[in-house]
Amino acid sequence: MASNIPENLKVNFWRKKGGRILNELTGVSHRFSSTQIWAPKQDIIVGWTPKAGCTVVKRHVYDFLGLWDDVEKTGKWVQFYSHLYIRKHLIIPALHWKKVKWRIKFVRNPYHRFVSSYTYAMGFPNMVSGITEDLNCNLHDISFEMFTDWVEQSQRKKGWNKIDSHIRPQYHREEERFPYNRIIHIEQMQEEMEALAREGGPKFNFTEEFRNSWHHRKRAKSDVDAVWKRPFKQIRKPEGLPDYPQFYTPELRARVAHLFRDDFEKYGYAKQA
């Protein structure tokens, strides 16, 4: 089941030209194939999305595959090792997808994820190139409401493909042709992973790390009023950021539900009024 992708193309995997060539070779967008951890011997595919627990998922999947020593040998973050692994085990869905027993994807509540995208962007301005010029202000003067405005306008003008993957929807159109047979919602991870194991699926063990992760643990209610319209510099506190529901008004919930409607519909998340 190994991929017959020439090594020189794998090296160019993350480059623009290499991406176009790989689109043709794999028959799918490289943005889809590059987010699949395919383990032929274990008969699994694990799909992931940035800001949906991807770092924890990848760390424990590679540990499950017995590759953690290899991860540490790179001397790099697990994301770097993941690039190397996916290049080496590049999946061609038309040939491999339906033959794999367990096709699993980890997803996150879109309301929560979009707040995470906002706070992440405030620390990594390269992922929102042009936002300060478009909004005519400094980065940390941007509120969640302004960030939502900017994402909506950028999506209308450029389309999702021109927006950073830490913001783009989790659902990919290629999932229509190549569906997963198990969706794991990280908010119900323990129950859903236990059910998967009872059915003979892989026994990943990262519920505790998710529970303790500052990205995913429940936060205390902030005493900051109108969080959604406050500049980031005003809501960032030594004790942490406000819990995600405080970022929303009914109008913002409706706008985010529309932006990420596929995530809500395809992965079974409820829209809130």
Protein backbone atom coordinates (compact mmCIF):
# COMPACT_ATOMS: atom_id res chain seq x y z
CA MET A 1 0.00 0.00 0.00
CA ALA A 2 2.99 2.31 -0.09
CA SER A 3 2.83 5.49 -2.14
CA ASN A 4 4.96 5.61 -5.28
CA ILE A 5 5.63 9.33 -5.12
CA PRO A 6 9.15 10.24 -6.27
CA GLU A 7 11.38 11.47 -3.45
CA ASN A 8 12.17 14.74 -5.18
CA LEU A 9 8.46 15.60 -5.23
CA LYS A 10 8.09 14.70 -1.58
CA VAL A 11 10.88 17.12 -0.76
CA ASN A 12 8.94 19.87 -2.54
CA PHE A 13 5.70 18.89 -0.80
CA TRP A 14 5.17 22.14 1.06
CA ARG A 15 6.32 24.38 -1.77
CA LYS A 16 3.86 25.95 -4.14
CA LYS A 17 5.06 24.16 -7.29
CA GLY A 18 5.33 20.84 -5.47
CA GLY A 19 1.81 21.29 -4.15
CA ARG A 20 0.40 21.71 -7.66
CA ILE A 21 2.23 18.61 -8.91
CA LEU A 22 1.05 16.58 -5.94
CA ASN A 23 -2.52 17.68 -6.58
CA GLU A 24 -2.26 15.95 -9.93
CA LEU A 25 -0.48 12.84 -8.61
CA THR A 26 -2.77 12.23 -5.65
CA GLY A 27 -5.97 13.37 -7.34
CA VAL A 28 -6.90 15.61 -4.40
CA SER A 29 -5.92 18.99 -3.02
CA HIS A 30 -2.59 18.78 -1.22
CA ARG A 31 -4.28 20.67 1.62
CA PHE A 32 -6.35 17.53 2.15
CA SER A 33 -3.62 14.91 1.67
CA SER A 34 -1.21 16.87 3.89
CA THR A 35 -3.53 16.63 6.89
CA GLN A 36 -3.83 12.84 6.90
CA ILE A 37 -1.60 10.62 9.03
CA TRP A 38 -1.73 7.32 7.18
CA ALA A 39 -0.35 4.22 8.90
CA PRO A 40 -0.69 1.28 6.47
CA LYS A 41 0.49 -1.41 8.92
CA GLN A 42 -1.98 -0.32 11.58
CA ASP A 43 -4.72 0.18 8.97
CA ILE A 44 -5.63 3.68 10.11
CA ILE A 45 -5.89 7.21 8.78
CA VAL A 46 -6.07 10.09 11.24
CA GLY A 47 -7.26 13.44 9.92
CA TRP A 48 -6.57 16.66 11.78
CA THR A 49 -7.06 20.41 11.46
CA PRO A 50 -5.08 23.30 12.96
CA LYS A 51 -6.67 24.70 16.15
CA ALA A 52 -8.62 21.47 16.67
CA GLY A 53 -6.22 19.72 19.00
CA CYS A 54 -3.79 18.93 16.20
CA THR A 55 -0.58 19.08 18.26
CA VAL A 56 -1.84 16.73 20.98
CA VAL A 57 -3.42 14.40 18.41
CA LYS A 58 -0.23 14.12 16.37
CA ARG A 59 1.95 13.64 19.41
CA HIS A 60 -0.09 10.71 20.66
CA VAL A 61 -0.71 9.16 17.27
CA TYR A 62 3.04 8.96 16.63
CA ASP A 63 3.50 7.52 20.12
CA PHE A 64 0.81 4.92 19.35
CA LEU A 65 2.68 4.05 16.14
CA GLY A 66 5.88 3.51 18.12
CA LEU A 67 7.59 6.50 16.52
CA TRP A 68 8.14 8.80 19.46
CA ASP A 69 11.88 8.11 19.53
CA ASP A 70 12.00 9.24 15.89
CA VAL A 71 10.10 12.41 16.78
CA GLU A 72 12.63 13.22 19.51
CA LYS A 73 15.59 12.47 17.25
CA THR A 74 14.58 15.28 14.92
CA GLY A 75 15.17 17.71 17.78
CA LYS A 76 12.19 19.62 16.46
CA TRP A 77 8.58 20.24 17.38
CA VAL A 78 6.17 17.38 16.53
CA GLN A 79 4.77 19.51 13.70
CA PHE A 80 8.12 19.30 11.91
CA TYR A 81 8.26 15.52 12.27
CA SER A 82 4.70 15.30 11.02
CA HIS A 83 5.70 17.05 7.78
CA LEU A 84 8.44 14.46 7.29
CA TYR A 85 6.17 11.53 8.07
CA ILE A 86 3.37 12.65 5.78
CA ARG A 87 5.80 13.19 2.91
CA LYS A 88 7.06 9.64 3.36
CA HIS A 89 3.58 8.13 3.75
CA LEU A 90 1.70 10.31 1.31
CA ILE A 91 -1.72 8.87 0.69
CA ILE A 92 -3.37 8.61 -2.72
CA PRO A 93 -7.03 8.48 -1.66
CA ALA A 94 -8.34 6.95 -4.88
CA LEU A 95 -6.05 3.95 -4.32
CA HIS A 96 -5.91 3.66 -0.55
CA TRP A 97 -8.81 5.38 1.18
CA LYS A 98 -11.56 2.76 1.12
CA LYS A 99 -9.11 -0.05 1.90
CA VAL A 100 -8.25 1.46 5.27
CA LYS A 101 -10.35 0.09 8.15
CA TRP A 102 -10.30 3.10 10.46
CA ARG A 103 -10.58 6.56 8.95
CA ILE A 104 -10.76 8.92 11.91
CA LYS A 105 -10.98 12.69 12.13
CA PHE A 106 -10.71 14.86 15.24
CA VAL A 107 -12.88 17.98 15.25
CA ARG A 108 -13.64 20.87 17.59
CA ASN A 109 -16.66 23.04 18.36
CA PRO A 110 -16.50 25.81 15.70
CA TYR A 111 -17.46 28.54 18.16
CA HIS A 112 -14.62 27.60 20.47
CA ARG A 113 -12.16 27.04 17.63
CA PHE A 114 -12.80 30.46 16.09
CA VAL A 115 -12.03 32.18 19.40
CA SER A 116 -8.84 30.10 19.51
CA SER A 117 -8.03 31.24 15.96
CA TYR A 118 -8.43 34.86 17.06
CA THR A 119 -6.22 34.60 20.14
CA TYR A 120 -3.62 32.60 18.18
CA ALA A 121 -3.53 35.26 15.45
CA MET A 122 -2.81 37.90 18.07
CA GLY A 123 0.47 36.09 18.75
CA PHE A 124 1.31 35.11 15.17
CA PRO A 125 0.57 38.07 12.88
CA ASN A 126 1.98 36.27 9.82
CA MET A 127 -1.16 34.13 9.71
CA VAL A 128 -3.32 37.24 9.25
CA SER A 129 -1.14 39.16 6.83
CA GLY A 130 -2.59 42.57 6.02
CA ILE A 131 -5.05 42.69 8.90
CA THR A 132 -3.53 45.76 10.57
CA GLU A 133 -3.47 47.66 7.28
CA ASP A 134 -7.04 46.61 6.44
CA LEU A 135 -8.33 47.62 9.89
CA ASN A 136 -5.96 50.60 10.26
CA CYS A 137 -4.82 49.75 13.78
CA ASN A 138 -2.17 47.89 15.75
CA LEU A 139 -2.53 44.15 16.09
CA HIS A 140 -3.42 44.10 19.78
CA ASP A 141 -6.01 46.84 19.28
CA ILE A 142 -8.12 44.34 17.33
CA SER A 143 -11.19 43.00 19.08
CA PHE A 144 -12.87 39.66 18.43
CA GLU A 145 -15.69 41.49 16.67
CA MET A 146 -13.20 43.27 14.38
CA PHE A 147 -11.45 39.97 13.70
CA THR A 148 -14.78 38.44 12.67
CA ASP A 149 -15.43 41.39 10.33
CA TRP A 150 -12.02 40.93 8.73
CA VAL A 151 -12.41 37.17 8.23
CA GLU A 152 -15.84 37.67 6.65
CA GLN A 153 -14.52 40.33 4.28
CA SER A 154 -11.41 38.30 3.39
CA GLN A 155 -13.50 35.20 2.70
CA ARG A 156 -15.82 37.14 0.40
CA LYS A 157 -12.96 38.81 -1.49
CA LYS A 158 -10.40 35.99 -1.67
CA GLY A 159 -12.15 32.75 -0.75
CA TRP A 160 -11.14 30.33 2.00
CA ASN A 161 -8.11 29.03 0.10
CA LYS A 162 -6.33 32.36 0.61
CA ILE A 163 -6.97 32.37 4.36
CA ASP A 164 -4.65 30.67 6.83
CA SER A 165 -5.42 27.06 7.78
CA HIS A 166 -5.67 28.03 11.46
CA ILE A 167 -8.83 29.96 10.51
CA ARG A 168 -10.27 28.03 7.56
CA PRO A 169 -13.17 25.62 8.19
CA GLN A 170 -12.32 22.14 9.42
CA TYR A 171 -14.48 20.50 6.76
CA HIS A 172 -12.80 19.93 3.42
CA ARG A 173 -14.76 19.37 0.22
CA GLU A 174 -12.70 16.25 -0.49
CA GLU A 175 -14.54 14.58 2.40
CA GLU A 176 -17.51 14.15 0.07
CA ARG A 177 -15.47 11.71 -2.00
CA PHE A 178 -13.31 10.36 0.78
CA PRO A 179 -15.36 10.27 3.98
CA TYR A 180 -14.17 9.33 7.43
CA ASN A 181 -15.95 6.51 9.19
CA ARG A 182 -15.43 7.94 12.67
CA ILE A 183 -15.58 11.56 13.83
CA ILE A 184 -14.14 12.25 17.28
CA HIS A 185 -15.40 15.45 18.91
CA ILE A 186 -12.69 16.58 21.29
CA GLU A 187 -15.31 17.87 23.73
CA GLN A 188 -16.54 14.26 24.16
CA MET A 189 -13.18 12.64 23.57
CA GLN A 190 -13.13 10.19 26.46
CA GLU A 191 -16.51 8.64 25.71
CA GLU A 192 -15.98 8.53 21.94
CA MET A 193 -12.46 7.08 22.18
CA GLU A 194 -13.65 4.40 24.60
CA ALA A 195 -16.45 3.49 22.18
CA LEU A 196 -13.94 3.30 19.33
CA ALA A 197 -11.69 0.97 21.36
CA ARG A 198 -14.62 -1.29 22.22
CA GLU A 199 -15.26 -1.72 18.51
CA GLY A 200 -11.67 -2.82 17.92
CA GLY A 201 -10.33 0.57 16.87
CA PRO A 202 -6.99 2.10 17.91
CA LYS A 203 -6.54 2.85 21.60
CA PHE A 204 -5.14 6.35 21.71
CA ASN A 205 -4.57 7.69 25.20
CA PHE A 206 -4.57 11.44 25.25
CA THR A 207 -7.78 12.40 27.03
CA GLU A 208 -5.86 13.54 30.11
CA GLU A 209 -3.52 15.76 28.09
CA PHE A 210 -6.49 17.42 26.42
CA ARG A 211 -8.09 17.98 29.82
CA ASN A 212 -4.95 19.65 31.15
CA SER A 213 -4.07 21.59 27.99
CA TRP A 214 -4.44 25.35 28.40
CA HIS A 215 -5.91 25.41 24.89
CA HIS A 216 -8.83 23.16 25.80
CA ARG A 217 -9.47 23.35 29.53
CA LYS A 218 -12.49 25.26 30.79
CA ARG A 219 -11.64 28.82 31.84
CA ALA A 220 -13.06 30.91 34.64
CA LYS A 221 -15.56 33.60 33.76
CA SER A 222 -13.83 36.93 33.21
CA ASP A 223 -14.95 40.14 34.90
CA VAL A 224 -14.28 42.08 31.67
CA ASP A 225 -17.51 43.46 30.21
CA ALA A 226 -18.35 43.20 26.50
CA VAL A 227 -15.36 40.98 25.77
CA TRP A 228 -16.20 40.79 22.06
CA LYS A 229 -15.58 44.50 21.45
CA ARG A 230 -12.56 44.96 23.70
CA PRO A 231 -9.08 45.21 22.14
CA PHE A 232 -7.01 42.11 22.70
CA LYS A 233 -4.64 44.04 24.95
CA GLN A 234 -7.53 44.69 27.37
CA ILE A 235 -8.77 41.10 27.64
CA ARG A 236 -5.36 39.46 27.98
CA LYS A 237 -4.79 38.95 31.69
CA PRO A 238 -2.04 37.19 33.69
CA GLU A 239 -4.60 34.62 34.83
CA GLY A 240 -5.58 33.85 31.24
CA LEU A 241 -8.20 34.76 28.67
CA PRO A 242 -11.99 34.79 29.12
CA ASP A 243 -13.92 31.60 28.43
CA TYR A 244 -15.08 31.38 24.82
CA PRO A 245 -18.85 32.03 25.34
CA GLN A 246 -18.00 35.51 26.62
CA PHE A 247 -16.68 36.46 23.18
CA TYR A 248 -20.11 36.07 21.63
CA THR A 249 -23.29 38.05 21.21
CA PRO A 250 -26.32 36.47 19.48
CA GLU A 251 -25.34 38.35 16.31
CA LEU A 252 -21.74 37.10 16.41
CA ARG A 253 -22.90 33.53 17.04
CA ALA A 254 -25.11 33.75 13.96
CA ARG A 255 -22.30 35.17 11.83
CA VAL A 256 -19.80 32.53 12.94
CA ALA A 257 -22.40 29.80 12.42
CA HIS A 258 -22.82 31.03 8.84
CA LEU A 259 -19.08 31.27 8.19
CA PHE A 260 -18.51 27.72 9.43
CA ARG A 261 -21.86 26.22 8.46
CA ASP A 262 -20.25 23.13 6.95
CA ASP A 263 -18.44 22.39 10.20
CA PHE A 264 -21.68 22.63 12.15
CA GLU A 265 -23.70 20.54 9.70
CA LYS A 266 -21.15 17.87 8.77
CA TYR A 267 -19.84 17.24 12.28
CA GLY A 268 -23.10 17.52 14.21
CA TYR A 269 -22.45 20.64 16.25
CA ALA A 270 -25.49 22.63 17.37
CA LYS A 271 -25.85 26.26 16.36
CA GLN A 272 -26.65 28.54 19.26
CA ALA A 273 -29.17 31.37 19.16
